[in-house]
Amino acid sequence: MANKDVRVRRVYDEPGEQDGERVLVDRVWPRGVSKDEARLSEWCKDVSPSSELRKWFGHDPDKFDEFSRRYRAELDEPERAEALEHLRALAAKRRVTLLTGTKHPDISQAAVLVDVLGG
């Protein structure tokens, strides 16, 4: 049974004691953040959307529903599906905080992943 304790935060936010596993889910490393500052458990870039989908979306709120649909379809691709299963296994054990560099994490791939993971 999956743990429902999956959340989203910006990688730029100060790490918190309640974060649990801190997993960056962006394909590109966020600007201005060192690996030490990020205090990641891991960087799971294989679960991120394709470059083509990211560029098409451009974090436009009006495109989020369609982005979410297309991204969920991409999560069925073998490499992404494997990375998603890895996140699912982590979330079954303890709290997972999915990190993203976007200014609007509520309309990001991290928000879609929380929904997919049942958080």
PDB file of N, CA and C in Angstrom:
ATOM      1  N   MET A   1       0.849  -1.186   0.000  1.00  0.00           N
ATOM      2  CA  MET A   1       0.000   0.000   0.000  1.00  0.00           C
ATOM      3  C   MET A   1       0.893   1.247   0.000  1.00  0.00           C
ATOM      4  N   ALA A   2       0.604   2.181  -0.866  1.00  0.00           N
ATOM      5  CA  ALA A   2       1.437   3.372  -1.001  1.00  0.00           C
ATOM      6  C   ALA A   2       1.180   4.363   0.129  1.00  0.00           C
ATOM      7  N   ASN A   3       2.240   4.978   0.559  1.00  0.00           N
ATOM      8  CA  ASN A   3       2.178   6.047   1.542  1.00  0.00           C
ATOM      9  C   ASN A   3       1.589   7.273   0.838  1.00  0.00           C
ATOM     10  N   LYS A   4       0.665   7.935   1.463  1.00  0.00           N
ATOM     11  CA  LYS A   4       0.047   9.116   0.858  1.00  0.00           C
ATOM     12  C   LYS A   4       0.837  10.390   1.154  1.00  0.00           C
ATOM     13  N   ASP A   5       1.967  10.249   1.812  1.00  0.00           N
ATOM     14  CA  ASP A   5       2.715  11.427   2.232  1.00  0.00           C
ATOM     15  C   ASP A   5       3.775  11.818   1.204  1.00  0.00           C
ATOM     16  N   VAL A   6       3.298  12.317   0.068  1.00  0.00           N
ATOM     17  CA  VAL A   6       4.159  12.821  -0.987  1.00  0.00           C
ATOM     18  C   VAL A   6       3.779  14.275  -1.186  1.00  0.00           C
ATOM     19  N   ARG A   7       4.767  15.130  -1.191  1.00  0.00           N
ATOM     20  CA  ARG A   7       4.481  16.563  -1.312  1.00  0.00           C
ATOM     21  C   ARG A   7       5.439  17.218  -2.294  1.00  0.00           C
ATOM     22  N   VAL A   8       5.161  18.459  -2.612  1.00  0.00           N
ATOM     23  CA  VAL A   8       5.965  19.237  -3.556  1.00  0.00           C
ATOM     24  C   VAL A   8       6.498  20.479  -2.854  1.00  0.00           C
ATOM     25  N   ARG A   9       7.748  20.779  -3.125  1.00  0.00           N
ATOM     26  CA  ARG A   9       8.346  22.039  -2.654  1.00  0.00           C
ATOM     27  C   ARG A   9       9.280  22.551  -3.735  1.00  0.00           C
ATOM     28  N   ARG A  10       9.590  23.816  -3.653  1.00  0.00           N
ATOM     29  CA  ARG A  10      10.601  24.385  -4.548  1.00  0.00           C
ATOM     30  C   ARG A  10      11.978  24.036  -4.006  1.00  0.00           C
ATOM     31  N   VAL A  11      12.881  23.711  -4.884  1.00  0.00           N
ATOM     32  CA  VAL A  11      14.243  23.381  -4.474  1.00  0.00           C
ATOM     33  C   VAL A  11      14.925  24.597  -3.842  1.00  0.00           C
ATOM     34  N   TYR A  12      14.417  25.791  -4.133  1.00  0.00           N
ATOM     35  CA  TYR A  12      14.979  27.026  -3.584  1.00  0.00           C
ATOM     36  C   TYR A  12      14.534  27.277  -2.147  1.00  0.00           C
ATOM     37  N   ASP A  13      13.506  26.581  -1.682  1.00  0.00           N
ATOM     38  CA  ASP A  13      13.053  26.734  -0.302  1.00  0.00           C
ATOM     39  C   ASP A  13      14.043  26.062   0.639  1.00  0.00           C
ATOM     40  N   GLU A  14      14.142  26.613   1.834  1.00  0.00           N
ATOM     41  CA  GLU A  14      15.022  26.043   2.852  1.00  0.00           C
ATOM     42  C   GLU A  14      14.585  24.605   3.161  1.00  0.00           C
ATOM     43  N   PRO A  15      15.526  23.647   3.136  1.00  0.00           N
ATOM     44  CA  PRO A  15      15.154  22.269   3.484  1.00  0.00           C
ATOM     45  C   PRO A  15      14.552  22.210   4.886  1.00  0.00           C
ATOM     46  N   GLY A  16      13.544  21.359   5.045  1.00  0.00           N
ATOM     47  CA  GLY A  16      12.876  21.228   6.331  1.00  0.00           C
ATOM     48  C   GLY A  16      13.075  19.847   6.930  1.00  0.00           C
ATOM     49  N   GLU A  17      12.995  19.778   8.241  1.00  0.00           N
ATOM     50  CA  GLU A  17      13.157  18.505   8.931  1.00  0.00           C
ATOM     51  C   GLU A  17      12.073  17.512   8.538  1.00  0.00           C
ATOM     52  N   GLN A  18      10.913  18.014   8.122  1.00  0.00           N
ATOM     53  CA  GLN A  18       9.783  17.152   7.782  1.00  0.00           C
ATOM     54  C   GLN A  18       9.774  16.712   6.309  1.00  0.00           C
ATOM     55  N   ASP A  19      10.818  17.033   5.559  1.00  0.00           N
ATOM     56  CA  ASP A  19      10.840  16.729   4.128  1.00  0.00           C
ATOM     57  C   ASP A  19      10.957  15.239   3.821  1.00  0.00           C
ATOM     58  N   GLY A  20      11.586  14.475   4.684  1.00  0.00           N
ATOM     59  CA  GLY A  20      11.831  13.065   4.365  1.00  0.00           C
ATOM     60  C   GLY A  20      12.838  12.964   3.234  1.00  0.00           C
ATOM     61  N   GLU A  21      12.556  12.077   2.286  1.00  0.00           N
ATOM     62  CA  GLU A  21      13.430  11.942   1.118  1.00  0.00           C
ATOM     63  C   GLU A  21      13.211  13.148   0.217  1.00  0.00           C
ATOM     64  N   ARG A  22      14.275  13.859  -0.096  1.00  0.00           N
ATOM     65  CA  ARG A  22      14.202  15.040  -0.964  1.00  0.00           C
ATOM     66  C   ARG A  22      14.682  14.640  -2.357  1.00  0.00           C
ATOM     67  N   VAL A  23      13.726  14.630  -3.304  1.00  0.00           N
ATOM     68  CA  VAL A  23      14.026  14.133  -4.645  1.00  0.00           C
ATOM     69  C   VAL A  23      13.747  15.215  -5.678  1.00  0.00           C
ATOM     70  N   LEU A  24      14.793  15.637  -6.383  1.00  0.00           N
ATOM     71  CA  LEU A  24      14.640  16.603  -7.473  1.00  0.00           C
ATOM     72  C   LEU A  24      14.083  15.857  -8.685  1.00  0.00           C
ATOM     73  N   VAL A  25      12.985  16.374  -9.261  1.00  0.00           N
ATOM     74  CA  VAL A  25      12.345  15.706 -10.395  1.00  0.00           C
ATOM     75  C   VAL A  25      12.398  16.556 -11.667  1.00  0.00           C
ATOM     76  N   ASP A  26      13.313  17.501 -11.735  1.00  0.00           N
ATOM     77  CA  ASP A  26      13.535  18.307 -12.936  1.00  0.00           C
ATOM     78  C   ASP A  26      14.622  17.653 -13.781  1.00  0.00           C
ATOM     79  N   ARG A  27      14.521  17.789 -15.095  1.00  0.00           N
ATOM     80  CA  ARG A  27      15.552  17.260 -15.994  1.00  0.00           C
ATOM     81  C   ARG A  27      16.808  18.121 -15.941  1.00  0.00           C
ATOM     82  N   VAL A  28      16.618  19.425 -15.768  1.00  0.00           N
ATOM     83  CA  VAL A  28      17.734  20.378 -15.772  1.00  0.00           C
ATOM     84  C   VAL A  28      18.008  20.825 -14.336  1.00  0.00           C
ATOM     85  N   TRP A  29      19.285  20.884 -13.964  1.00  0.00           N
ATOM     86  CA  TRP A  29      19.641  21.337 -12.618  1.00  0.00           C
ATOM     87  C   TRP A  29      19.205  22.791 -12.446  1.00  0.00           C
ATOM     88  N   PRO A  30      18.564  23.127 -11.311  1.00  0.00           N
ATOM     89  CA  PRO A  30      18.075  24.498 -11.089  1.00  0.00           C
ATOM     90  C   PRO A  30      19.213  25.503 -10.947  1.00  0.00           C
ATOM     91  N   ARG A  31      19.020  26.650 -11.548  1.00  0.00           N
ATOM     92  CA  ARG A  31      20.037  27.714 -11.521  1.00  0.00           C
ATOM     93  C   ARG A  31      20.247  28.244 -10.117  1.00  0.00           C
ATOM     94  N   GLY A  32      21.499  28.539  -9.805  1.00  0.00           N
ATOM     95  CA  GLY A  32      21.823  29.222  -8.559  1.00  0.00           C
ATOM     96  C   GLY A  32      21.754  28.372  -7.305  1.00  0.00           C
ATOM     97  N   VAL A  33      21.625  27.057  -7.441  1.00  0.00           N
ATOM     98  CA  VAL A  33      21.559  26.172  -6.276  1.00  0.00           C
ATOM     99  C   VAL A  33      22.710  25.177  -6.371  1.00  0.00           C
ATOM    100  N   SER A  34      23.526  25.141  -5.336  1.00  0.00           N
ATOM    101  CA  SER A  34      24.604  24.153  -5.331  1.00  0.00           C
ATOM    102  C   SER A  34      24.050  22.813  -4.866  1.00  0.00           C
ATOM    103  N   LYS A  35      24.773  21.761  -5.159  1.00  0.00           N
ATOM    104  CA  LYS A  35      24.331  20.426  -4.730  1.00  0.00           C
ATOM    105  C   LYS A  35      24.290  20.346  -3.210  1.00  0.00           C
ATOM    106  N   ASP A  36      25.190  21.038  -2.531  1.00  0.00           N
ATOM    107  CA  ASP A  36      25.178  21.043  -1.061  1.00  0.00           C
ATOM    108  C   ASP A  36      23.942  21.764  -0.527  1.00  0.00           C
ATOM    109  N   GLU A  37      23.630  22.922  -1.111  1.00  0.00           N
ATOM    110  CA  GLU A  37      22.467  23.699  -0.667  1.00  0.00           C
ATOM    111  C   GLU A  37      21.155  22.943  -0.876  1.00  0.00           C
ATOM    112  N   ALA A  38      21.076  22.177  -1.949  1.00  0.00           N
ATOM    113  CA  ALA A  38      19.835  21.466  -2.277  1.00  0.00           C
ATOM    114  C   ALA A  38      19.541  20.351  -1.274  1.00  0.00           C
ATOM    115  N   ARG A  39      20.578  19.807  -0.678  1.00  0.00           N
ATOM    116  CA  ARG A  39      20.433  18.708   0.288  1.00  0.00           C
ATOM    117  C   ARG A  39      19.471  17.633  -0.214  1.00  0.00           C
ATOM    118  N   LEU A  40      19.785  17.110  -1.391  1.00  0.00           N
ATOM    119  CA  LEU A  40      18.950  16.092  -2.020  1.00  0.00           C
ATOM    120  C   LEU A  40      19.256  14.708  -1.488  1.00  0.00           C
ATOM    121  N   SER A  41      18.237  13.877  -1.479  1.00  0.00           N
ATOM    122  CA  SER A  41      18.443  12.448  -1.306  1.00  0.00           C
ATOM    123  C   SER A  41      18.870  11.881  -2.648  1.00  0.00           C
ATOM    124  N   GLU A  42      18.260  12.410  -3.712  1.00  0.00           N
ATOM    125  CA  GLU A  42      18.635  11.993  -5.060  1.00  0.00           C
ATOM    126  C   GLU A  42      18.039  12.931  -6.107  1.00  0.00           C
ATOM    127  N   TRP A  43      18.546  12.788  -7.320  1.00  0.00           N
ATOM    128  CA  TRP A  43      18.064  13.531  -8.469  1.00  0.00           C
ATOM    129  C   TRP A  43      17.490  12.504  -9.440  1.00  0.00           C
ATOM    130  N   CYS A  44      16.199  12.499  -9.585  1.00  0.00           N
ATOM    131  CA  CYS A  44      15.502  11.503 -10.410  1.00  0.00           C
ATOM    132  C   CYS A  44      15.074  12.163 -11.717  1.00  0.00           C
ATOM    133  N   LYS A  45      16.047  12.511 -12.555  1.00  0.00           N
ATOM    134  CA  LYS A  45      15.713  13.231 -13.782  1.00  0.00           C
ATOM    135  C   LYS A  45      15.023  12.357 -14.822  1.00  0.00           C
ATOM    136  N   ASP A  46      15.155  11.033 -14.706  1.00  0.00           N
ATOM    137  CA  ASP A  46      14.521  10.148 -15.685  1.00  0.00           C
ATOM    138  C   ASP A  46      13.001  10.166 -15.615  1.00  0.00           C
ATOM    139  N   VAL A  47      12.433  10.668 -14.516  1.00  0.00           N
ATOM    140  CA  VAL A  47      10.975  10.734 -14.389  1.00  0.00           C
ATOM    141  C   VAL A  47      10.418  12.042 -14.959  1.00  0.00           C
ATOM    142  N   SER A  48      11.284  12.950 -15.327  1.00  0.00           N
ATOM    143  CA  SER A  48      10.819  14.263 -15.793  1.00  0.00           C
ATOM    144  C   SER A  48      10.253  14.184 -17.215  1.00  0.00           C
ATOM    145  N   PRO A  49       9.446  15.172 -17.585  1.00  0.00           N
ATOM    146  CA  PRO A  49       8.866  15.181 -18.937  1.00  0.00           C
ATOM    147  C   PRO A  49       9.941  15.406 -20.000  1.00  0.00           C
ATOM    148  N   SER A  50       9.610  15.026 -21.207  1.00  0.00           N
ATOM    149  CA  SER A  50      10.535  15.224 -22.330  1.00  0.00           C
ATOM    150  C   SER A  50      10.813  16.716 -22.521  1.00  0.00           C
ATOM    151  N   SER A  51      11.948  17.003 -23.125  1.00  0.00           N
ATOM    152  CA  SER A  51      12.298  18.404 -23.420  1.00  0.00           C
ATOM    153  C   SER A  51      11.246  19.043 -24.314  1.00  0.00           C
ATOM    154  N   GLU A  52      10.732  18.282 -25.275  1.00  0.00           N
ATOM    155  CA  GLU A  52       9.713  18.809 -26.182  1.00  0.00           C
ATOM    156  C   GLU A  52       8.453  19.200 -25.413  1.00  0.00           C
ATOM    157  N   LEU A  53       8.022  18.344 -24.496  1.00  0.00           N
ATOM    158  CA  LEU A  53       6.812  18.644 -23.720  1.00  0.00           C
ATOM    159  C   LEU A  53       7.056  19.831 -22.788  1.00  0.00           C
ATOM    160  N   ARG A  54       8.208  19.855 -22.138  1.00  0.00           N
ATOM    161  CA  ARG A  54       8.538  20.982 -21.247  1.00  0.00           C
ATOM    162  C   ARG A  54       8.497  22.301 -22.003  1.00  0.00           C
ATOM    163  N   LYS A  55       9.122  22.327 -23.177  1.00  0.00           N
ATOM    164  CA  LYS A  55       9.178  23.565 -23.959  1.00  0.00           C
ATOM    165  C   LYS A  55       7.783  23.966 -24.446  1.00  0.00           C
ATOM    166  N   TRP A  56       6.983  22.989 -24.878  1.00  0.00           N
ATOM    167  CA  TRP A  56       5.629  23.287 -25.320  1.00  0.00           C
ATOM    168  C   TRP A  56       4.811  23.891 -24.176  1.00  0.00           C
ATOM    169  N   PHE A  57       4.919  23.306 -23.003  1.00  0.00           N
ATOM    170  CA  PHE A  57       4.143  23.751 -21.841  1.00  0.00           C
ATOM    171  C   PHE A  57       4.551  25.147 -21.387  1.00  0.00           C
ATOM    172  N   GLY A  58       5.837  25.358 -21.190  1.00  0.00           N
ATOM    173  CA  GLY A  58       6.330  26.668 -20.768  1.00  0.00           C
ATOM    174  C   GLY A  58       5.715  27.184 -19.481  1.00  0.00           C
ATOM    175  N   HIS A  59       5.200  26.300 -18.648  1.00  0.00           N
ATOM    176  CA  HIS A  59       4.547  26.643 -17.370  1.00  0.00           C
ATOM    177  C   HIS A  59       3.382  27.610 -17.550  1.00  0.00           C
ATOM    178  N   ASP A  60       2.691  27.464 -18.678  1.00  0.00           N
ATOM    179  CA  ASP A  60       1.504  28.264 -18.958  1.00  0.00           C
ATOM    180  C   ASP A  60       0.318  27.610 -18.239  1.00  0.00           C
ATOM    181  N   PRO A  61      -0.278  28.306 -17.261  1.00  0.00           N
ATOM    182  CA  PRO A  61      -1.398  27.714 -16.514  1.00  0.00           C
ATOM    183  C   PRO A  61      -2.537  27.220 -17.407  1.00  0.00           C
ATOM    184  N   ASP A  62      -2.768  27.892 -18.536  1.00  0.00           N
ATOM    185  CA  ASP A  62      -3.842  27.491 -19.442  1.00  0.00           C
ATOM    186  C   ASP A  62      -3.561  26.151 -20.128  1.00  0.00           C
ATOM    187  N   LYS A  63      -2.295  25.749 -20.155  1.00  0.00           N
ATOM    188  CA  LYS A  63      -1.911  24.491 -20.797  1.00  0.00           C
ATOM    189  C   LYS A  63      -1.728  23.346 -19.798  1.00  0.00           C
ATOM    190  N   PHE A  64      -1.926  23.616 -18.506  1.00  0.00           N
ATOM    191  CA  PHE A  64      -1.599  22.602 -17.498  1.00  0.00           C
ATOM    192  C   PHE A  64      -2.395  21.310 -17.648  1.00  0.00           C
ATOM    193  N   ASP A  65      -3.683  21.391 -17.908  1.00  0.00           N
ATOM    194  CA  ASP A  65      -4.483  20.168 -18.039  1.00  0.00           C
ATOM    195  C   ASP A  65      -3.965  19.302 -19.186  1.00  0.00           C
ATOM    196  N   GLU A  66      -3.683  19.924 -20.317  1.00  0.00           N
ATOM    197  CA  GLU A  66      -3.159  19.170 -21.457  1.00  0.00           C
ATOM    198  C   GLU A  66      -1.739  18.677 -21.175  1.00  0.00           C
ATOM    199  N   PHE A  67      -0.930  19.501 -20.519  1.00  0.00           N
ATOM    200  CA  PHE A  67       0.412  19.067 -20.113  1.00  0.00           C
ATOM    201  C   PHE A  67       0.317  17.830 -19.229  1.00  0.00           C
ATOM    202  N   SER A  68      -0.578  17.885 -18.261  1.00  0.00           N
ATOM    203  CA  SER A  68      -0.753  16.766 -17.335  1.00  0.00           C
ATOM    204  C   SER A  68      -1.134  15.491 -18.091  1.00  0.00           C
ATOM    205  N   ARG A  69      -2.050  15.605 -19.040  1.00  0.00           N
ATOM    206  CA  ARG A  69      -2.471  14.446 -19.832  1.00  0.00           C
ATOM    207  C   ARG A  69      -1.297  13.877 -20.631  1.00  0.00           C
ATOM    208  N   ARG A  70      -0.558  14.755 -21.307  1.00  0.00           N
ATOM    209  CA  ARG A  70       0.575  14.308 -22.132  1.00  0.00           C
ATOM    210  C   ARG A  70       1.698  13.725 -21.262  1.00  0.00           C
ATOM    211  N   TYR A  71       1.936  14.349 -20.139  1.00  0.00           N
ATOM    212  CA  TYR A  71       3.000  13.871 -19.246  1.00  0.00           C
ATOM    213  C   TYR A  71       2.656  12.493 -18.680  1.00  0.00           C
ATOM    214  N   ARG A  72       1.394  12.308 -18.288  1.00  0.00           N
ATOM    215  CA  ARG A  72       0.971  10.988 -17.790  1.00  0.00           C
ATOM    216  C   ARG A  72       1.196   9.917 -18.862  1.00  0.00           C
ATOM    217  N   ALA A  73       0.952  10.266 -20.125  1.00  0.00           N
ATOM    218  CA  ALA A  73       1.207   9.318 -21.221  1.00  0.00           C
ATOM    219  C   ALA A  73       2.706   9.024 -21.322  1.00  0.00           C
ATOM    220  N   GLU A  74       3.531  10.046 -21.165  1.00  0.00           N
ATOM    221  CA  GLU A  74       4.986   9.830 -21.205  1.00  0.00           C
ATOM    222  C   GLU A  74       5.462   8.930 -20.059  1.00  0.00           C
ATOM    223  N   LEU A  75       4.780   8.977 -18.938  1.00  0.00           N
ATOM    224  CA  LEU A  75       5.182   8.153 -17.791  1.00  0.00           C
ATOM    225  C   LEU A  75       5.028   6.659 -18.055  1.00  0.00           C
ATOM    226  N   ASP A  76       4.350   6.300 -19.144  1.00  0.00           N
ATOM    227  CA  ASP A  76       4.239   4.887 -19.540  1.00  0.00           C
ATOM    228  C   ASP A  76       5.460   4.409 -20.320  1.00  0.00           C
ATOM    229  N   GLU A  77       6.293   5.349 -20.794  1.00  0.00           N
ATOM    230  CA  GLU A  77       7.503   4.971 -21.530  1.00  0.00           C
ATOM    231  C   GLU A  77       8.461   4.268 -20.570  1.00  0.00           C
ATOM    232  N   PRO A  78       9.172   3.234 -21.038  1.00  0.00           N
ATOM    233  CA  PRO A  78       9.962   2.373 -20.145  1.00  0.00           C
ATOM    234  C   PRO A  78      10.891   3.095 -19.159  1.00  0.00           C
ATOM    235  N   GLU A  79      11.688   4.027 -19.627  1.00  0.00           N
ATOM    236  CA  GLU A  79      12.645   4.705 -18.734  1.00  0.00           C
ATOM    237  C   GLU A  79      11.917   5.502 -17.655  1.00  0.00           C
ATOM    238  N   ARG A  80      10.878   6.218 -18.050  1.00  0.00           N
ATOM    239  CA  ARG A  80      10.112   7.010 -17.084  1.00  0.00           C
ATOM    240  C   ARG A  80       9.306   6.101 -16.154  1.00  0.00           C
ATOM    241  N   ALA A  81       8.749   5.030 -16.701  1.00  0.00           N
ATOM    242  CA  ALA A  81       7.969   4.097 -15.880  1.00  0.00           C
ATOM    243  C   ALA A  81       8.853   3.480 -14.797  1.00  0.00           C
ATOM    244  N   GLU A  82      10.074   3.160 -15.143  1.00  0.00           N
ATOM    245  CA  GLU A  82      11.011   2.600 -14.158  1.00  0.00           C
ATOM    246  C   GLU A  82      11.326   3.617 -13.066  1.00  0.00           C
ATOM    247  N   ALA A  83      11.561   4.865 -13.466  1.00  0.00           N
ATOM    248  CA  ALA A  83      11.834   5.928 -12.495  1.00  0.00           C
ATOM    249  C   ALA A  83      10.613   6.182 -11.606  1.00  0.00           C
ATOM    250  N   LEU A  84       9.416   6.122 -12.188  1.00  0.00           N
ATOM    251  CA  LEU A  84       8.189   6.310 -11.418  1.00  0.00           C
ATOM    252  C   LEU A  84       8.029   5.183 -10.394  1.00  0.00           C
ATOM    253  N   GLU A  85       8.322   3.970 -10.778  1.00  0.00           N
ATOM    254  CA  GLU A  85       8.241   2.842  -9.838  1.00  0.00           C
ATOM    255  C   GLU A  85       9.230   3.019  -8.697  1.00  0.00           C
ATOM    256  N   HIS A  86      10.393   3.569  -9.007  1.00  0.00           N
ATOM    257  CA  HIS A  86      11.389   3.854  -7.963  1.00  0.00           C
ATOM    258  C   HIS A  86      10.815   4.858  -6.960  1.00  0.00           C
ATOM    259  N   LEU A  87      10.193   5.926  -7.469  1.00  0.00           N
ATOM    260  CA  LEU A  87       9.572   6.917  -6.574  1.00  0.00           C
ATOM    261  C   LEU A  87       8.449   6.287  -5.761  1.00  0.00           C
ATOM    262  N   ARG A  88       7.681   5.425  -6.396  1.00  0.00           N
ATOM    263  CA  ARG A  88       6.582   4.751  -5.707  1.00  0.00           C
ATOM    264  C   ARG A  88       7.133   3.893  -4.549  1.00  0.00           C
ATOM    265  N   ALA A  89       8.240   3.213  -4.780  1.00  0.00           N
ATOM    266  CA  ALA A  89       8.863   2.388  -3.735  1.00  0.00           C
ATOM    267  C   ALA A  89       9.367   3.263  -2.587  1.00  0.00           C
ATOM    268  N   LEU A  90       9.968   4.399  -2.911  1.00  0.00           N
ATOM    269  CA  LEU A  90      10.421   5.330  -1.863  1.00  0.00           C
ATOM    270  C   LEU A  90       9.231   5.808  -1.032  1.00  0.00           C
ATOM    271  N   ALA A  91       8.157   6.190  -1.723  1.00  0.00           N
ATOM    272  CA  ALA A  91       6.982   6.742  -1.045  1.00  0.00           C
ATOM    273  C   ALA A  91       6.273   5.693  -0.187  1.00  0.00           C
ATOM    274  N   ALA A  92       6.447   4.429  -0.512  1.00  0.00           N
ATOM    275  CA  ALA A  92       5.836   3.366   0.287  1.00  0.00           C
ATOM    276  C   ALA A  92       6.524   3.226   1.643  1.00  0.00           C
ATOM    277  N   LYS A  93       7.764   3.713   1.725  1.00  0.00           N
ATOM    278  CA  LYS A  93       8.564   3.555   2.951  1.00  0.00           C
ATOM    279  C   LYS A  93       8.501   4.765   3.872  1.00  0.00           C
ATOM    280  N   ARG A  94       8.474   5.948   3.262  1.00  0.00           N
ATOM    281  CA  ARG A  94       8.504   7.157   4.083  1.00  0.00           C
ATOM    282  C   ARG A  94       8.065   8.370   3.293  1.00  0.00           C
ATOM    283  N   ARG A  95       7.995   9.512   3.963  1.00  0.00           N
ATOM    284  CA  ARG A  95       7.616  10.761   3.310  1.00  0.00           C
ATOM    285  C   ARG A  95       8.615  11.088   2.198  1.00  0.00           C
ATOM    286  N   VAL A  96       8.074  11.573   1.090  1.00  0.00           N
ATOM    287  CA  VAL A  96       8.897  11.999  -0.033  1.00  0.00           C
ATOM    288  C   VAL A  96       8.492  13.422  -0.399  1.00  0.00           C
ATOM    289  N   THR A  97       9.481  14.285  -0.541  1.00  0.00           N
ATOM    290  CA  THR A  97       9.247  15.642  -1.014  1.00  0.00           C
ATOM    291  C   THR A  97       9.855  15.754  -2.401  1.00  0.00           C
ATOM    292  N   LEU A  98       8.997  15.987  -3.391  1.00  0.00           N
ATOM    293  CA  LEU A  98       9.441  16.162  -4.763  1.00  0.00           C
ATOM    294  C   LEU A  98       9.809  17.624  -4.952  1.00  0.00           C
ATOM    295  N   LEU A  99      11.003  17.843  -5.428  1.00  0.00           N
ATOM    296  CA  LEU A  99      11.519  19.200  -5.575  1.00  0.00           C
ATOM    297  C   LEU A  99      11.570  19.614  -7.036  1.00  0.00           C
ATOM    298  N   THR A 100      11.260  20.873  -7.256  1.00  0.00           N
ATOM    299  CA  THR A 100      11.307  21.443  -8.600  1.00  0.00           C
ATOM    300  C   THR A 100      11.803  22.878  -8.510  1.00  0.00           C
ATOM    301  N   GLY A 101      12.397  23.341  -9.583  1.00  0.00           N
ATOM    302  CA  GLY A 101      12.900  24.705  -9.620  1.00  0.00           C
ATOM    303  C   GLY A 101      11.879  25.709 -10.113  1.00  0.00           C
ATOM    304  N   THR A 102      10.744  25.248 -10.589  1.00  0.00           N
ATOM    305  CA  THR A 102       9.744  26.158 -11.147  1.00  0.00           C
ATOM    306  C   THR A 102       9.200  27.131 -10.100  1.00  0.00           C
ATOM    307  N   LYS A 103       8.792  28.296 -10.567  1.00  0.00           N
ATOM    308  CA  LYS A 103       8.197  29.295  -9.670  1.00  0.00           C
ATOM    309  C   LYS A 103       6.801  28.897  -9.222  1.00  0.00           C
ATOM    310  N   HIS A 104       6.160  28.025  -9.980  1.00  0.00           N
ATOM    311  CA  HIS A 104       4.780  27.616  -9.693  1.00  0.00           C
ATOM    312  C   HIS A 104       4.709  26.093  -9.582  1.00  0.00           C
ATOM    313  N   PRO A 105       5.121  25.546  -8.447  1.00  0.00           N
ATOM    314  CA  PRO A 105       5.159  24.083  -8.320  1.00  0.00           C
ATOM    315  C   PRO A 105       3.789  23.414  -8.423  1.00  0.00           C
ATOM    316  N   ASP A 106       2.720  24.179  -8.202  1.00  0.00           N
ATOM    317  CA  ASP A 106       1.375  23.598  -8.292  1.00  0.00           C
ATOM    318  C   ASP A 106       0.952  23.315  -9.733  1.00  0.00           C
ATOM    319  N   ILE A 107       1.682  23.853 -10.713  1.00  0.00           N
ATOM    320  CA  ILE A 107       1.428  23.534 -12.124  1.00  0.00           C
ATOM    321  C   ILE A 107       2.727  23.022 -12.746  1.00  0.00           C
ATOM    322  N   SER A 108       3.290  22.013 -12.131  1.00  0.00           N
ATOM    323  CA  SER A 108       4.560  21.443 -12.594  1.00  0.00           C
ATOM    324  C   SER A 108       4.445  19.936 -12.710  1.00  0.00           C
ATOM    325  N   GLN A 109       5.492  19.321 -13.250  1.00  0.00           N
ATOM    326  CA  GLN A 109       5.516  17.866 -13.310  1.00  0.00           C
ATOM    327  C   GLN A 109       5.497  17.272 -11.908  1.00  0.00           C
ATOM    328  N   ALA A 110       6.050  17.982 -10.936  1.00  0.00           N
ATOM    329  CA  ALA A 110       6.049  17.491  -9.551  1.00  0.00           C
ATOM    330  C   ALA A 110       4.608  17.362  -9.034  1.00  0.00           C
ATOM    331  N   ALA A 111       3.759  18.327  -9.378  1.00  0.00           N
ATOM    332  CA  ALA A 111       2.349  18.263  -8.946  1.00  0.00           C
ATOM    333  C   ALA A 111       1.644  17.083  -9.607  1.00  0.00           C
ATOM    334  N   VAL A 112       1.948  16.820 -10.859  1.00  0.00           N
ATOM    335  CA  VAL A 112       1.353  15.665 -11.553  1.00  0.00           C
ATOM    336  C   VAL A 112       1.831  14.384 -10.884  1.00  0.00           C
ATOM    337  N   LEU A 113       3.123  14.329 -10.558  1.00  0.00           N
ATOM    338  CA  LEU A 113       3.673  13.131  -9.909  1.00  0.00           C
ATOM    339  C   LEU A 113       3.031  12.866  -8.543  1.00  0.00           C
ATOM    340  N   VAL A 114       2.790  13.923  -7.785  1.00  0.00           N
ATOM    341  CA  VAL A 114       2.122  13.745  -6.483  1.00  0.00           C
ATOM    342  C   VAL A 114       0.776  13.092  -6.698  1.00  0.00           C
ATOM    343  N   ASP A 115       0.045  13.558  -7.702  1.00  0.00           N
ATOM    344  CA  ASP A 115      -1.271  12.985  -7.995  1.00  0.00           C
ATOM    345  C   ASP A 115      -1.133  11.517  -8.423  1.00  0.00           C
ATOM    346  N   VAL A 116      -0.187  11.235  -9.300  1.00  0.00           N
ATOM    347  CA  VAL A 116       0.022   9.871  -9.782  1.00  0.00           C
ATOM    348  C   VAL A 116       0.420   8.936  -8.628  1.00  0.00           C
ATOM    349  N   LEU A 117       1.229   9.460  -7.707  1.00  0.00           N
ATOM    350  CA  LEU A 117       1.697   8.658  -6.583  1.00  0.00           C
ATOM    351  C   LEU A 117       0.676   8.573  -5.451  1.00  0.00           C
ATOM    352  N   GLY A 118      -0.411   9.307  -5.591  1.00  0.00           N
ATOM    353  CA  GLY A 118      -1.478   9.233  -4.581  1.00  0.00           C
ATOM    354  C   GLY A 118      -1.259  10.107  -3.375  1.00  0.00           C
ATOM    355  N   GLY A 119      -0.427  11.135  -3.507  1.00  0.00           N
ATOM    356  CA  GLY A 119      -0.138  12.029  -2.373  1.00  0.00           C
ATOM    357  C   GLY A 119      -1.166  13.103  -2.213  1.00  0.00           C
TER     358      GLY A 119
END
